[in-house]
Protein backbone atom coordinates (compact mmCIF):
# COMPACT_ATOMS: atom_id res chain seq x y z
CA UNK A 1 20.60 -10.49 -9.12
CA UNK A 2 19.11 -12.69 -11.82
CA UNK A 3 15.53 -13.43 -12.81
CA UNK A 4 15.92 -17.08 -11.85
CA UNK A 5 13.62 -18.23 -9.09
CA UNK A 6 15.59 -20.12 -6.41
CA UNK A 7 15.05 -23.83 -6.62
CA UNK A 8 12.68 -23.65 -9.56
CA UNK A 9 14.98 -23.77 -12.57
CA UNK A 10 12.99 -21.26 -14.60
CA UNK A 11 12.57 -17.52 -14.93
CA UNK A 12 9.85 -15.64 -13.10
CA UNK A 13 7.33 -14.06 -15.48
CA UNK A 14 8.09 -10.42 -14.63
CA UNK A 15 5.98 -9.07 -17.50
CA UNK A 16 2.36 -9.48 -18.51
CA UNK A 17 1.63 -12.87 -20.07
CA UNK A 18 -2.05 -12.29 -20.92
CA UNK A 19 -3.32 -10.51 -24.08
CA UNK A 20 -3.06 -6.72 -23.99
CA UNK A 21 -6.33 -5.15 -22.91
CA UNK A 22 -7.86 -8.37 -21.58
CA UNK A 23 -9.60 -7.82 -18.20
CA UNK A 24 -8.02 -10.86 -16.59
CA UNK A 25 -7.87 -9.42 -13.07
CA UNK A 26 -10.79 -7.01 -13.36
CA UNK A 27 -13.08 -9.81 -14.55
CA UNK A 28 -12.25 -12.14 -11.66
CA UNK A 29 -15.08 -12.15 -9.07
CA UNK A 30 -12.63 -13.39 -6.44
CA UNK A 31 -10.83 -10.05 -6.75
CA UNK A 32 -13.42 -7.48 -7.80
CA UNK A 33 -16.67 -9.10 -6.66
CA UNK A 34 -19.81 -8.06 -8.53
CA UNK A 35 -17.86 -5.51 -10.53
CA UNK A 36 -16.28 -8.39 -12.45
CA UNK A 37 -19.43 -8.67 -14.56
CA UNK A 38 -18.95 -5.09 -15.77
CA UNK A 39 -15.26 -5.43 -16.64
CA UNK A 40 -14.43 -3.84 -20.00
CA UNK A 41 -11.80 -5.32 -22.25
CA UNK A 42 -9.95 -3.62 -25.08
CA UNK A 43 -8.83 -5.39 -28.26
CA UNK A 44 -5.92 -3.60 -29.99
CA UNK A 45 -6.76 -5.48 -33.22
CA UNK A 46 -10.36 -4.23 -33.32
CA UNK A 47 -10.75 -0.64 -34.67
CA UNK A 48 -13.97 -0.07 -32.69
CA UNK A 49 -12.34 -1.28 -29.48
CA UNK A 50 -9.30 0.94 -30.14
CA UNK A 51 -11.64 3.90 -30.58
CA UNK A 52 -13.27 3.05 -27.25
CA UNK A 53 -9.83 2.79 -25.68
CA UNK A 54 -8.98 6.29 -26.97
CA UNK A 55 -12.13 7.70 -25.39
CA UNK A 56 -11.38 5.88 -22.16
CA UNK A 57 -7.81 7.19 -22.03
CA UNK A 58 -8.97 10.77 -22.46
CA UNK A 59 -11.66 10.38 -19.78
CA UNK A 60 -9.15 8.64 -17.53
CA UNK A 61 -6.66 11.50 -17.84
CA UNK A 62 -9.34 14.09 -17.04
CA UNK A 63 -11.15 12.26 -14.25
CA UNK A 64 -9.55 12.74 -10.85
CA UNK A 65 -12.70 11.53 -9.08
CA UNK A 66 -11.75 7.91 -9.70
CA UNK A 67 -8.22 8.27 -8.36
CA UNK A 68 -9.09 6.28 -5.22
CA UNK A 69 -10.65 3.44 -7.23
CA UNK A 70 -7.97 0.86 -7.96
CA UNK A 71 -10.11 -1.15 -10.40
CA UNK A 72 -10.98 2.03 -12.30
CA UNK A 73 -7.27 2.84 -12.53
CA UNK A 74 -6.48 -0.63 -13.89
CA UNK A 75 -9.15 -0.14 -16.55
CA UNK A 76 -7.51 3.12 -17.57
CA UNK A 77 -4.12 1.41 -17.69
CA UNK A 78 -5.58 -1.30 -19.94
CA UNK A 79 -6.99 1.36 -22.26
CA UNK A 80 -3.58 3.07 -22.48
CA UNK A 81 -1.79 -0.17 -23.34
CA UNK A 82 -4.38 -1.28 -25.88
CA UNK A 83 -4.44 2.13 -27.55
CA UNK A 84 -0.65 2.18 -27.95
CA UNK A 85 -0.65 -1.36 -29.34
CA UNK A 86 -3.56 -0.56 -31.64
CA UNK A 87 -2.15 2.61 -33.21
CA UNK A 88 1.52 1.64 -33.08
CA UNK A 89 3.17 4.42 -31.06
CA UNK A 90 2.83 6.63 -28.00
CA UNK A 91 2.69 9.75 -30.15
CA UNK A 92 -0.18 8.43 -32.23
CA UNK A 93 -1.94 7.23 -29.09
CA UNK A 94 -1.81 10.73 -27.63
CA UNK A 95 -3.16 12.23 -30.85
CA UNK A 96 -6.02 9.71 -30.95
CA UNK A 97 -6.95 10.33 -27.32
CA UNK A 98 -6.83 14.11 -27.64
CA UNK A 99 -7.37 16.56 -24.80
CA UNK A 100 -4.48 17.05 -22.40
CA UNK A 101 -3.26 13.45 -22.65
CA UNK A 102 0.54 13.29 -22.71
CA UNK A 103 3.05 10.69 -23.84
CA UNK A 104 4.32 10.45 -20.27
CA UNK A 105 0.81 9.72 -18.98
CA UNK A 106 0.12 6.99 -21.51
CA UNK A 107 3.56 5.39 -21.11
CA UNK A 108 3.36 5.23 -17.31
CA UNK A 109 -0.07 3.62 -17.22
CA UNK A 110 0.65 1.25 -20.10
CA UNK A 111 3.59 0.00 -18.05
CA UNK A 112 1.26 -0.69 -15.12
CA UNK A 113 -0.86 -2.82 -17.45
CA UNK A 114 2.32 -4.70 -18.38
CA UNK A 115 3.01 -5.74 -14.78
CA UNK A 116 2.65 -9.47 -14.03
CA UNK A 117 -0.76 -10.64 -12.90
CA UNK A 118 0.41 -11.46 -9.36
CA UNK A 119 1.22 -7.78 -8.80
CA UNK A 120 -1.86 -6.42 -10.59
CA UNK A 121 -4.07 -8.52 -8.32
CA UNK A 122 -2.65 -6.73 -5.28
CA UNK A 123 -3.37 -3.42 -7.00
CA UNK A 124 -6.99 -4.44 -7.59
CA UNK A 125 -7.33 -5.59 -3.97
CA UNK A 126 -6.05 -2.26 -2.71
CA UNK A 127 -2.83 -3.63 -1.21
CA UNK A 128 -0.72 -1.62 -3.67
CA UNK A 129 -1.77 1.89 -4.67
CA UNK A 130 -1.96 2.42 -8.45
CA UNK A 131 0.39 5.39 -8.09
CA UNK A 132 2.91 3.07 -6.38
CA UNK A 133 2.40 0.52 -9.16
CA UNK A 134 3.55 3.15 -11.69
CA UNK A 135 6.93 3.26 -9.96
CA UNK A 136 7.14 -0.52 -9.57
CA UNK A 137 6.59 -0.76 -13.33
CA UNK A 138 9.68 1.42 -13.91
CA UNK A 139 11.97 -1.42 -12.82
CA UNK A 140 12.32 -4.82 -14.45
CA UNK A 141 12.84 -8.48 -13.69
CA UNK A 142 12.57 -9.80 -10.15
CA UNK A 143 13.08 -6.26 -8.83
CA UNK A 144 9.42 -5.71 -9.70
CA UNK A 145 8.35 -8.53 -7.42
CA UNK A 146 10.74 -7.57 -4.63
CA UNK A 147 9.56 -3.96 -4.61
CA UNK A 148 5.90 -4.97 -4.84
CA UNK A 149 6.16 -7.45 -1.97
CA UNK A 150 7.96 -4.82 0.10
CA UNK A 151 4.95 -2.53 -0.40
CA UNK A 152 2.65 -5.30 0.81
CA UNK A 153 4.78 -6.51 3.72
CA UNK A 154 6.45 -3.29 4.89
CA UNK A 155 3.60 -0.89 4.03
CA UNK A 156 5.82 1.41 1.98
CA UNK A 157 4.46 4.82 0.99
CA UNK A 158 4.25 5.93 -2.62
CA UNK A 159 7.07 8.39 -1.96
CA UNK A 160 9.29 5.60 -0.63
CA UNK A 161 8.51 3.41 -3.64
CA UNK A 162 9.37 6.25 -6.01
CA UNK A 163 12.72 6.87 -4.34
CA UNK A 164 13.64 3.19 -4.20
CA UNK A 165 12.68 2.67 -7.85
CA UNK A 166 14.95 5.58 -8.79
CA UNK A 167 17.90 3.88 -7.06
CA UNK A 168 17.49 0.51 -8.78
CA UNK A 169 19.88 0.08 -11.69
CA UNK A 170 22.46 -2.36 -12.99
CA UNK A 171 24.46 -2.05 -9.77
CA UNK A 172 21.74 -1.68 -7.14
CA UNK A 173 18.92 -4.20 -6.78
CA UNK A 174 15.61 -3.72 -5.01
CA UNK A 175 16.91 -5.93 -2.20
CA UNK A 176 19.94 -3.64 -1.84
CA UNK A 177 17.87 -0.45 -1.83
CA UNK A 178 15.43 -1.91 0.69
CA UNK A 179 18.20 -3.25 2.95
CA UNK A 180 19.74 0.23 3.05
CA UNK A 181 16.50 1.33 4.70
CA UNK A 182 16.44 -1.53 7.16
CA UNK A 183 13.76 -3.43 5.24
CA UNK A 184 14.49 -7.15 5.01
CA UNK A 185 12.60 -9.22 2.46
CA UNK A 186 11.82 -12.86 3.13
CA UNK A 187 10.23 -12.57 6.56
CA UNK A 188 6.58 -13.58 6.87
CA UNK A 189 4.34 -14.34 9.81
CA UNK A 190 2.23 -17.41 9.12
CA UNK A 191 -0.50 -19.22 11.01
CA UNK A 192 -0.40 -23.03 11.01
CA UNK A 193 -2.83 -25.69 12.21
CA UNK A 194 -1.68 -26.67 15.71
CA UNK A 195 -0.76 -30.21 14.71
CA UNK A 196 1.38 -28.95 11.80
CA UNK A 197 2.99 -26.34 14.04
CA UNK A 198 3.74 -28.96 16.71
CA UNK A 199 5.36 -31.32 14.19
CA UNK A 200 7.33 -28.51 12.56
CA UNK A 201 8.80 -27.53 15.90
CA UNK A 202 9.59 -31.16 16.75
CA UNK A 203 11.35 -31.86 13.46
CA UNK A 204 13.31 -28.61 13.57
CA UNK A 205 14.57 -29.49 17.03
CA UNK A 206 15.57 -33.01 16.02
CA UNK A 207 17.35 -31.75 12.90
CA UNK A 208 19.05 -28.89 14.75
CA UNK A 209 17.75 -26.28 12.33
CA UNK A 210 15.42 -23.31 12.23
CA UNK A 211 11.74 -24.03 11.45
CA UNK A 212 12.05 -21.58 8.57
CA UNK A 213 14.61 -23.84 6.89
CA UNK A 214 12.14 -26.72 6.80
CA UNK A 215 9.37 -24.47 5.52
CA UNK A 216 11.62 -23.05 2.80
CA UNK A 217 12.72 -26.52 1.69
CA UNK A 218 9.12 -27.77 1.57
CA UNK A 219 7.98 -24.74 -0.42
CA UNK A 220 10.83 -25.05 -2.91
CA UNK A 221 9.85 -28.68 -3.51
CA UNK A 222 6.20 -27.68 -3.87
CA UNK A 223 6.96 -24.92 -6.37
CA UNK A 224 9.27 -27.21 -8.33
CA UNK A 225 6.48 -29.81 -8.63
CA UNK A 226 4.00 -27.12 -9.64
CA UNK A 227 6.31 -25.80 -12.38
CA UNK A 228 6.65 -29.30 -13.84
CA UNK A 229 2.87 -29.80 -13.91
CA UNK A 230 2.45 -26.43 -15.67
CA UNK A 231 4.72 -27.44 -18.55
C-alpha cells in the first residue's frame, strides 16, 4: 500500500501539518463548543510556554480524573509534544516534567499530537478514544487513516485497535489486518435528497453499474478539483 490517494495525484497528509502545540482542534467552537475559548496553546520556542508545558505534562501524568475527557487528553498530548520540541529530547522532557513522568508516556502522547487533524477532530468529538488514538499513532502513512476510520465505522474497541496496530508492518497493511477480522473498509451508509437518490438510481440502471460506482467517480472528481484549488 502506498500513501497516494486514489484519483488525487498527491500524498495524504498522514502527519500533523499545523505548528506543534497550537490548539487548532481544541480552539474550534464547531468541535469543542464553548470550551474553545479556553483552549491553551504551547509554543516550543517560548521558554515560559515550555515551562507551562512541563507543568501540564506532570499534572497530566498524575491526573486520572480527566481520563474520560477527550479534549483534556488532547491538551496533555499537545503539552508533551511541545515540551519535547522545546527541550530537544524525550529524556530532557521527562527531567523537566519531573514526578513519575516516563519517556514512554511522553512519546506516546506526543505521537497522538502528531496525528493529522482529520483524526484528531474525531478524538475531540469522542468518536475515537484517546487511548485508541495512541495505538493509531504507532502506525504510519495511510494505515493511520484506515485504522482510524475503522474505529469510527466498525466501532472497534481499544483492545482491538492495539492488536491490529501491532500486526501492521511492511508486509501487513491496516486493510489486511482488518480484512482478516471480517472488517471491510469502504462501505458507508449515506442519506441523499430524494431527487438525487432517484436520479442516481436511474443513471446507474441506464449505465448498467452499481450506484456506488457513480458516487465514487463523482467524489474522485470533486476531490481532484479541491486539491487543485488548494495549491
